[in-house]
C-alpha atoms as a PDB file:
ATOM      1  CA  GLN A   1      54.331  52.677  72.477  1.00  0.00           C
ATOM      2  CA  VAL A   2      54.039  52.425  68.710  1.00  0.00           C
ATOM      3  CA  GLN A   3      50.581  51.231  67.482  1.00  0.00           C
ATOM      4  CA  PHE A   4      49.528  50.429  63.996  1.00  0.00           C
ATOM      5  CA  GLY A   5      46.037  50.760  62.508  1.00  0.00           C
ATOM      6  CA  GLU A   6      45.229  49.437  59.091  1.00  0.00           C
ATOM      7  CA  SER A   7      42.256  50.157  56.896  1.00  0.00           C
ATOM      8  CA  GLY A   8      40.925  50.063  53.321  1.00  0.00           C
ATOM      9  CA  GLY A   9      40.447  46.452  52.874  1.00  0.00           C
ATOM     10  CA  GLY A  10      37.281  44.907  51.374  1.00  0.00           C
ATOM     11  CA  LEU A  11      35.977  42.469  48.675  1.00  0.00           C
ATOM     12  CA  VAL A  12      37.022  43.044  45.143  1.00  0.00           C
ATOM     13  CA  GLN A  13      36.756  41.045  41.964  1.00  0.00           C
ATOM     14  CA  PRO A  14      39.823  39.645  40.201  1.00  0.00           C
ATOM     15  CA  GLY A  15      41.495  42.400  38.351  1.00  0.00           C
ATOM     16  CA  GLY A  16      40.222  45.108  40.701  1.00  0.00           C
ATOM     17  CA  SER A  17      41.935  47.619  42.861  1.00  0.00           C
ATOM     18  CA  LEU A  18      42.258  48.667  46.388  1.00  0.00           C
ATOM     19  CA  LYS A  19      44.244  51.096  48.468  1.00  0.00           C
ATOM     20  CA  LEU A  20      45.169  50.368  51.946  1.00  0.00           C
ATOM     21  CA  SER A  21      46.256  52.792  54.614  1.00  0.00           C
ATOM     22  CA  CYS A  22      48.266  52.293  57.747  1.00  0.00           C
ATOM     23  CA  VAL A  23      48.569  54.972  60.526  1.00  0.00           C
ATOM     24  CA  ALA A  24      51.419  54.366  62.928  1.00  0.00           C
ATOM     25  CA  THR A  25      51.335  56.393  66.093  1.00  0.00           C
ATOM     26  CA  GLY A  26      53.851  56.683  68.874  1.00  0.00           C
ATOM     27  CA  ILE A  27      56.677  57.118  66.387  1.00  0.00           C
ATOM     28  CA  ARG A  28      59.654  58.944  67.829  1.00  0.00           C
ATOM     29  CA  PHE A  29      61.959  58.743  64.687  1.00  0.00           C
ATOM     30  CA  SER A  30      60.815  59.621  61.160  1.00  0.00           C
ATOM     31  CA  GLY A  31      63.587  57.433  59.654  1.00  0.00           C
ATOM     32  CA  TRP A  32      62.056  53.937  60.220  1.00  0.00           C
ATOM     33  CA  THR A  33      61.437  51.942  57.243  1.00  0.00           C
ATOM     34  CA  MET A  34      57.741  50.982  57.043  1.00  0.00           C
ATOM     35  CA  GLY A  35      56.559  47.767  55.624  1.00  0.00           C
ATOM     36  CA  TRP A  36      53.280  45.753  54.592  1.00  0.00           C
ATOM     37  CA  TYR A  37      52.799  42.078  55.379  1.00  0.00           C
ATOM     38  CA  ARG A  38      50.084  39.670  54.543  1.00  0.00           C
ATOM     39  CA  GLN A  39      48.735  36.628  56.139  1.00  0.00           C
ATOM     40  CA  ALA A  40      46.540  34.151  54.044  1.00  0.00           C
ATOM     41  CA  PRO A  41      44.245  31.448  55.852  1.00  0.00           C
ATOM     42  CA  GLY A  42      46.436  28.565  57.105  1.00  0.00           C
ATOM     43  CA  LYS A  43      49.754  30.263  56.123  1.00  0.00           C
ATOM     44  CA  GLN A  44      52.432  32.360  57.954  1.00  0.00           C
ATOM     45  CA  ARG A  45      52.595  36.092  57.706  1.00  0.00           C
ATOM     46  CA  ASP A  46      54.727  37.270  54.754  1.00  0.00           C
ATOM     47  CA  PHE A  47      56.495  40.479  53.686  1.00  0.00           C
ATOM     48  CA  VAL A  48      54.705  42.185  50.866  1.00  0.00           C
ATOM     49  CA  ALA A  49      56.502  45.730  50.473  1.00  0.00           C
ATOM     50  CA  SER A  50      58.732  48.122  52.267  1.00  0.00           C
ATOM     51  CA  ILE A  51      59.636  51.830  51.933  1.00  0.00           C
ATOM     52  CA  ASP A  52      62.404  53.775  53.606  1.00  0.00           C
ATOM     53  CA  VAL A  53      62.531  57.333  54.718  1.00  0.00           C
ATOM     54  CA  ASN A  54      64.077  58.277  51.259  1.00  0.00           C
ATOM     55  CA  GLY A  55      61.402  56.636  49.297  1.00  0.00           C
ATOM     56  CA  LYS A  56      63.419  53.541  48.334  1.00  0.00           C
ATOM     57  CA  THR A  57      61.054  50.511  47.826  1.00  0.00           C
ATOM     58  CA  LYS A  58      61.248  46.805  47.951  1.00  0.00           C
ATOM     59  CA  TYR A  59      58.605  44.304  46.818  1.00  0.00           C
ATOM     60  CA  ASP A  60      58.067  40.766  47.014  1.00  0.00           C
ATOM     61  CA  ASP A  61      58.292  39.235  43.546  1.00  0.00           C
ATOM     62  CA  SER A  62      54.578  38.188  43.767  1.00  0.00           C
ATOM     63  CA  VAL A  63      53.365  41.836  43.682  1.00  0.00           C
ATOM     64  CA  LYS A  64      56.057  43.461  41.762  1.00  0.00           C
ATOM     65  CA  GLY A  65      54.496  45.628  39.002  1.00  0.00           C
ATOM     66  CA  ARG A  66      50.909  45.414  40.608  1.00  0.00           C
ATOM     67  CA  PHE A  67      51.487  46.923  44.106  1.00  0.00           C
ATOM     68  CA  THR A  68      52.831  50.383  44.966  1.00  0.00           C
ATOM     69  CA  ILE A  69      53.847  51.519  48.659  1.00  0.00           C
ATOM     70  CA  SER A  70      54.084  55.076  49.638  1.00  0.00           C
ATOM     71  CA  ARG A  71      54.249  57.030  52.941  1.00  0.00           C
ATOM     72  CA  ASP A  72      53.450  60.269  54.436  1.00  0.00           C
ATOM     73  CA  ASN A  73      55.800  61.593  57.057  1.00  0.00           C
ATOM     74  CA  SER A  74      54.206  65.085  57.340  1.00  0.00           C
ATOM     75  CA  LYS A  75      52.922  64.367  60.815  1.00  0.00           C
ATOM     76  CA  TRP A  76      55.882  62.581  62.292  1.00  0.00           C
ATOM     77  CA  THR A  77      56.487  65.494  64.862  1.00  0.00           C
ATOM     78  CA  ASN A  78      53.196  64.380  66.157  1.00  0.00           C
ATOM     79  CA  GLY A  79      54.402  60.860  66.412  1.00  0.00           C
ATOM     80  CA  GLU A  80      52.387  59.692  63.255  1.00  0.00           C
ATOM     81  CA  VAL A  81      53.485  58.142  60.065  1.00  0.00           C
ATOM     82  CA  THR A  82      50.993  57.008  57.481  1.00  0.00           C
ATOM     83  CA  THR A  83      51.833  54.266  54.912  1.00  0.00           C
ATOM     84  CA  TYR A  84      49.884  53.355  51.899  1.00  0.00           C
ATOM     85  CA  LEU A  85      49.601  50.328  49.766  1.00  0.00           C
ATOM     86  CA  GLU A  86      47.896  50.720  46.310  1.00  0.00           C
ATOM     87  CA  MET A  87      46.980  47.353  44.884  1.00  0.00           C
ATOM     88  CA  ASN A  88      46.162  46.790  41.288  1.00  0.00           C
ATOM     89  CA  THR A  89      45.246  43.856  39.059  1.00  0.00           C
ATOM     90  CA  LEU A  90      44.246  41.856  42.107  1.00  0.00           C
ATOM     91  CA  GLU A  91      44.301  38.152  42.050  1.00  0.00           C
ATOM     92  CA  PRO A  92      42.549  35.467  44.268  1.00  0.00           C
ATOM     93  CA  ASP A  93      45.987  34.610  45.698  1.00  0.00           C
ATOM     94  CA  ASP A  94      46.184  38.117  47.111  1.00  0.00           C
ATOM     95  CA  THR A  95      43.277  37.162  49.554  1.00  0.00           C
ATOM     96  CA  ALA A  96      44.670  37.771  53.036  1.00  0.00           C
ATOM     97  CA  VAL A  97      44.792  40.067  56.227  1.00  0.00           C
ATOM     98  CA  TYR A  98      47.142  42.768  55.436  1.00  0.00           C
ATOM     99  CA  TYR A  99      49.222  44.487  58.331  1.00  0.00           C
ATOM    100  CA  CYS A 100      51.878  47.046  58.483  1.00  0.00           C
ATOM    101  CA  ASN A 101      54.965  47.325  60.771  1.00  0.00           C
ATOM    102  CA  ARG A 102      58.517  48.235  60.928  1.00  0.00           C
ATOM    103  CA  PRO A 103      60.534  45.608  59.193  1.00  0.00           C
ATOM    104  CA  LEU A 104      63.606  46.290  61.516  1.00  0.00           C
ATOM    105  CA  LYS A 105      61.494  46.227  64.835  1.00  0.00           C
ATOM    106  CA  GLN A 106      58.385  44.316  64.360  1.00  0.00           C
ATOM    107  CA  GLU A 107      56.018  44.694  67.436  1.00  0.00           C
ATOM    108  CA  ASN A 108      52.551  45.452  68.425  1.00  0.00           C
ATOM    109  CA  TRP A 109      50.736  44.015  65.408  1.00  0.00           C
ATOM    110  CA  GLY A 110      47.519  45.632  64.572  1.00  0.00           C
ATOM    111  CA  GLN A 111      44.257  43.942  63.810  1.00  0.00           C
ATOM    112  CA  GLY A 112      45.017  44.180  59.974  1.00  0.00           C
ATOM    113  CA  THR A 113      42.660  44.753  57.290  1.00  0.00           C
ATOM    114  CA  GLN A 114      40.963  41.940  55.279  1.00  0.00           C
ATOM    115  CA  VAL A 115      41.389  41.764  51.522  1.00  0.00           C
ATOM    116  CA  THR A 116      39.344  39.361  49.657  1.00  0.00           C
ATOM    117  CA  VAL A 117      39.705  38.808  45.925  1.00  0.00           C
ATOM    118  CA  SER A 118      36.818  36.631  44.513  1.00  0.00           C
ATOM    119  CA  SER A 119      34.292  36.731  41.816  1.00  0.00           C
END
């Protein structure tokens, strides 16, 4: 069973940076596209960014040029894939709980990691 564990969130001032990490375990196929999502208070969970096995990336328009997604497949033979989200020039509207999952097979959502952008 695939499980996702997110970390790296925190409180940061507007204009600051954070780097999130997601360790997915129980992965049996290294070719899965991995993605980041976020849910702000009172809103639905929205797509942020994704990266396929070849490194091709997609971003929501709201984060283009500010966020960078990357991944590490080096441990996939042990069933583990790590995905990162480097976030720069953070804005108050980026405040949310951030989650990772597979865009094509979303399941077993983790606890997420809280990102708060505030002065």
